[in-house]
Protein backbone atom coordinates (compact mmCIF):
# COMPACT_ATOMS: atom_id res chain seq x y z
CA MET A 1 -56.98 160.74 -28.34
CA GLY A 2 -55.87 159.94 -24.68
CA ALA A 3 -55.37 156.62 -23.38
CA PHE A 4 -55.59 155.73 -19.71
CA LYS A 5 -53.82 152.87 -17.94
CA LEU A 6 -53.94 151.53 -14.35
CA GLN A 7 -51.94 151.49 -11.32
CA VAL A 8 -51.57 150.20 -7.96
CA GLN A 9 -49.65 150.86 -4.81
CA ASP A 10 -48.52 147.57 -3.15
CA ASP A 11 -45.77 148.71 -0.68
CA ASP A 12 -46.78 150.16 2.72
CA LYS A 13 -43.46 151.64 3.32
CA ARG A 14 -42.89 153.14 -0.21
CA PRO A 15 -46.56 154.95 -0.72
CA ASP A 16 -44.94 157.18 -3.21
CA TYR A 17 -44.27 153.87 -5.99
CA TRP A 18 -46.65 152.85 -7.99
CA HIS A 19 -46.36 150.58 -10.97
CA ASP A 20 -48.44 149.61 -13.85
CA VAL A 21 -51.02 146.62 -13.81
CA ASN A 22 -50.00 144.16 -16.64
CA THR A 23 -51.98 142.08 -18.88
CA ASP A 24 -50.85 138.31 -19.01
CA LEU A 25 -48.71 139.28 -22.01
CA GLY A 26 -46.45 141.85 -19.79
CA THR A 27 -48.26 144.97 -21.21
CA PRO A 28 -49.76 147.51 -19.20
CA TYR A 29 -53.62 147.53 -19.75
CA LEU A 30 -54.66 150.36 -21.87
CA PHE A 31 -57.92 152.25 -22.30
CA THR A 32 -59.43 154.63 -24.63
CA LYS A 33 -62.46 155.83 -22.07
CA GLU A 34 -61.73 156.27 -18.52
CA ALA A 35 -64.91 154.41 -17.25
CA ASP A 36 -63.86 151.34 -19.10
CA ALA A 37 -60.32 151.75 -17.12
CA ARG A 38 -62.39 152.12 -13.65
CA ALA A 39 -64.32 149.08 -14.49
CA LYS A 40 -61.37 146.72 -15.25
CA LEU A 41 -59.59 148.32 -11.86
CA LEU A 42 -62.94 147.58 -9.88
CA GLU A 43 -62.71 143.90 -11.59
CA LEU A 44 -58.78 143.26 -10.71
CA PHE A 45 -58.98 144.91 -7.14
CA PRO A 46 -62.67 144.62 -5.74
CA ILE A 47 -61.68 144.96 -2.32
CA LEU A 48 -59.09 147.78 -2.76
CA VAL A 49 -61.34 150.01 -4.64
CA LYS A 50 -64.34 149.18 -2.32
CA MET A 51 -62.17 150.24 0.88
CA GLU A 52 -61.13 153.52 -1.10
CA GLN A 53 -64.65 154.22 -1.79
CA PHE A 54 -65.54 154.04 1.89
CA ARG A 55 -62.24 155.82 2.62
CA ALA A 56 -61.42 152.84 4.91
CA ASP A 57 -57.87 152.36 3.60
CA PHE A 58 -55.56 154.47 1.85
CA LYS A 59 -55.24 155.25 -1.90
CA ARG A 60 -54.02 151.98 -3.50
CA THR A 61 -55.06 152.24 -7.34
CA ARG A 62 -55.67 154.71 -9.70
CA VAL A 63 -56.23 155.42 -13.40
CA VAL A 64 -53.84 157.33 -14.71
CA VAL A 65 -53.49 159.39 -18.36
CA VAL A 66 -50.82 158.15 -20.54
CA ASN A 67 -48.64 160.91 -21.67
CA PRO A 68 -49.10 161.07 -25.57
CA TYR A 69 -45.91 163.28 -25.55
CA ASP A 70 -43.62 160.36 -23.99
CA ASP A 71 -41.49 159.89 -26.81
CA ILE A 72 -40.47 163.75 -26.60
CA ASP A 73 -40.65 164.16 -23.06
CA ASN A 74 -37.66 161.40 -22.64
CA PRO A 75 -34.69 161.94 -25.09
CA GLU A 76 -33.05 158.29 -23.87
CA LYS A 77 -35.95 157.12 -26.07
CA TYR A 78 -34.54 158.37 -29.34
């Protein structure tokens, strides 16, 4: 089963730098349905999401698939 997380890019000088959107506990928001993730993104960043929908700004928010094989791909975790 896939999982989705939210990311935001908030540094105009580094458009390639994205970071996870975290809960109050400091853990990333995780969703099992992409639609739920997009709804939360709209709730947290309504202006950015609307501006992106109308192509009035660069893409600064996104929903990404969490890699289920992250522990295998990253040998430093062992």
